C-alpha atoms as a PDB file:
ATOM      1  CA  UNK A   1     -78.672 138.110 -96.677  1.00  0.00           C
ATOM      2  CA  UNK A   2     -76.192 138.233 -93.804  1.00  0.00           C
ATOM      3  CA  UNK A   3     -72.870 140.080 -93.888  1.00  0.00           C
ATOM      4  CA  UNK A   4     -70.996 136.893 -92.938  1.00  0.00           C
ATOM      5  CA  UNK A   5     -70.739 133.948 -95.305  1.00  0.00           C
ATOM      6  CA  UNK A   6     -69.250 130.663 -94.129  1.00  0.00           C
ATOM      7  CA  UNK A   7     -67.896 128.163 -96.621  1.00  0.00           C
ATOM      8  CA  UNK A   8     -68.121 124.788 -94.956  1.00  0.00           C
ATOM      9  CA  UNK A   9     -68.332 121.043 -95.376  1.00  0.00           C
ATOM     10  CA  UNK A  10     -70.926 119.210 -93.260  1.00  0.00           C
ATOM     11  CA  UNK A  11     -69.251 116.972 -90.714  1.00  0.00           C
ATOM     12  CA  UNK A  12     -66.016 118.992 -90.707  1.00  0.00           C
ATOM     13  CA  UNK A  13     -64.925 119.467 -87.063  1.00  0.00           C
ATOM     14  CA  UNK A  14     -63.095 122.697 -87.888  1.00  0.00           C
ATOM     15  CA  UNK A  15     -66.232 124.087 -89.511  1.00  0.00           C
ATOM     16  CA  UNK A  16     -68.271 123.021 -86.466  1.00  0.00           C
ATOM     17  CA  UNK A  17     -65.906 124.998 -84.243  1.00  0.00           C
ATOM     18  CA  UNK A  18     -66.580 128.146 -86.276  1.00  0.00           C
ATOM     19  CA  UNK A  19     -70.335 127.479 -86.372  1.00  0.00           C
ATOM     20  CA  UNK A  20     -70.373 127.090 -82.589  1.00  0.00           C
ATOM     21  CA  UNK A  21     -68.685 130.473 -82.207  1.00  0.00           C
ATOM     22  CA  UNK A  22     -71.036 132.153 -84.681  1.00  0.00           C
ATOM     23  CA  UNK A  23     -74.018 130.783 -82.791  1.00  0.00           C
ATOM     24  CA  UNK A  24     -72.630 131.627 -79.337  1.00  0.00           C
ATOM     25  CA  UNK A  25     -72.170 135.206 -80.483  1.00  0.00           C
ATOM     26  CA  UNK A  26     -75.681 135.260 -81.939  1.00  0.00           C
ATOM     27  CA  UNK A  27     -74.453 136.210 -85.394  1.00  0.00           C
ATOM     28  CA  UNK A  28     -76.492 135.780 -88.544  1.00  0.00           C
ATOM     29  CA  UNK A  29     -74.583 134.132 -91.353  1.00  0.00           C
ATOM     30  CA  UNK A  30     -75.114 132.415 -94.667  1.00  0.00           C
ATOM     31  CA  UNK A  31     -73.515 129.087 -95.464  1.00  0.00           C
ATOM     32  CA  UNK A  32     -72.139 127.714 -98.680  1.00  0.00           C
ATOM     33  CA  UNK A  33     -71.625 123.963 -98.575  1.00  0.00           C
ATOM     34  CA  UNK A  34     -68.579 123.052-100.626  1.00  0.00           C
ATOM     35  CA  UNK A  35     -68.165 119.744-102.447  1.00  0.00           C
ATOM     36  CA  UNK A  36     -66.178 117.051-100.658  1.00  0.00           C
ATOM     37  CA  UNK A  37     -63.798 116.781-103.633  1.00  0.00           C
ATOM     38  CA  UNK A  38     -61.156 119.515-103.388  1.00  0.00           C
ATOM     39  CA  UNK A  39     -60.923 119.697-107.179  1.00  0.00           C
ATOM     40  CA  UNK A  40     -64.564 120.818-107.320  1.00  0.00           C
ATOM     41  CA  UNK A  41     -64.226 123.607-104.746  1.00  0.00           C
ATOM     42  CA  UNK A  42     -63.859 126.367-107.303  1.00  0.00           C
ATOM     43  CA  UNK A  43     -66.050 128.892-105.472  1.00  0.00           C
ATOM     44  CA  UNK A  44     -64.096 128.748-102.209  1.00  0.00           C
ATOM     45  CA  UNK A  45     -60.819 128.821-104.152  1.00  0.00           C
ATOM     46  CA  UNK A  46     -61.907 132.030-105.891  1.00  0.00           C
ATOM     47  CA  UNK A  47     -62.688 133.586-102.498  1.00  0.00           C
ATOM     48  CA  UNK A  48     -59.676 132.429-100.482  1.00  0.00           C
ATOM     49  CA  UNK A  49     -57.046 131.205-102.930  1.00  0.00           C
ATOM     50  CA  UNK A  50     -57.184 127.672-101.494  1.00  0.00           C
ATOM     51  CA  UNK A  51     -59.647 124.801-101.217  1.00  0.00           C
ATOM     52  CA  UNK A  52     -59.674 124.082 -97.483  1.00  0.00           C
ATOM     53  CA  UNK A  53     -62.574 124.931 -95.206  1.00  0.00           C
ATOM     54  CA  UNK A  54     -63.769 126.678 -93.142  1.00  0.00           C
ATOM     55  CA  UNK A  55     -63.482 130.041 -94.850  1.00  0.00           C
ATOM     56  CA  UNK A  56     -65.425 133.184 -93.984  1.00  0.00           C
ATOM     57  CA  UNK A  57     -66.233 136.397 -95.763  1.00  0.00           C
ATOM     58  CA  UNK A  58     -67.372 139.305 -93.599  1.00  0.00           C
ATOM     59  CA  UNK A  59     -68.541 142.102 -95.854  1.00  0.00           C
ATOM     60  CA  UNK A  60     -69.246 144.433 -92.922  1.00  0.00           C
ATOM     61  CA  UNK A  61     -65.577 144.432 -91.919  1.00  0.00           C
ATOM     62  CA  UNK A  62     -63.833 143.908 -95.275  1.00  0.00           C
ATOM     63  CA  UNK A  63     -62.750 140.327 -94.612  1.00  0.00           C
ATOM     64  CA  UNK A  64     -62.520 138.326 -97.811  1.00  0.00           C
ATOM     65  CA  UNK A  65     -61.590 134.678 -97.577  1.00  0.00           C
ATOM     66  CA  UNK A  66     -60.212 134.210 -94.057  1.00  0.00           C
ATOM     67  CA  UNK A  67     -59.287 130.581 -93.428  1.00  0.00           C
ATOM     68  CA  UNK A  68     -58.009 128.509 -90.500  1.00  0.00           C
ATOM     69  CA  UNK A  69     -60.632 127.827 -87.840  1.00  0.00           C
ATOM     70  CA  UNK A  70     -58.564 129.171 -84.930  1.00  0.00           C
ATOM     71  CA  UNK A  71     -57.942 132.448 -86.783  1.00  0.00           C
ATOM     72  CA  UNK A  72     -61.631 132.755 -87.662  1.00  0.00           C
ATOM     73  CA  UNK A  73     -62.765 132.092 -84.077  1.00  0.00           C
ATOM     74  CA  UNK A  74     -60.278 134.634 -82.727  1.00  0.00           C
ATOM     75  CA  UNK A  75     -61.414 137.202 -85.305  1.00  0.00           C
ATOM     76  CA  UNK A  76     -65.104 136.649 -84.551  1.00  0.00           C
ATOM     77  CA  UNK A  77     -64.591 136.926 -80.797  1.00  0.00           C
ATOM     78  CA  UNK A  78     -62.378 140.001 -81.103  1.00  0.00           C
ATOM     79  CA  UNK A  79     -64.720 141.718 -83.559  1.00  0.00           C
ATOM     80  CA  UNK A  80     -68.171 140.731 -82.370  1.00  0.00           C
ATOM     81  CA  UNK A  81     -67.935 139.850 -78.666  1.00  0.00           C
ATOM     82  CA  UNK A  82     -67.212 143.507 -77.939  1.00  0.00           C
ATOM     83  CA  UNK A  83     -70.338 144.498 -79.907  1.00  0.00           C
ATOM     84  CA  UNK A  84     -72.618 142.078 -78.037  1.00  0.00           C
END
């Protein structure tokens, strides 16, 4: 089990942006595919307080439910590019 968990919806361009960054940085991560219906996204809502995706959890760095793809990409690059 990886430290990073990505909540995503297949085909979501914002999720793809985060996935591209995760892969470019060579990071291991788990994915949770959320339902397309926002009303059924209870798991991601519990984690982040909202139903939009992408959302990440990074247990290694105490990040619980970060949303907004640009914020996630910036966080990943700032946190993990320096470690690579």
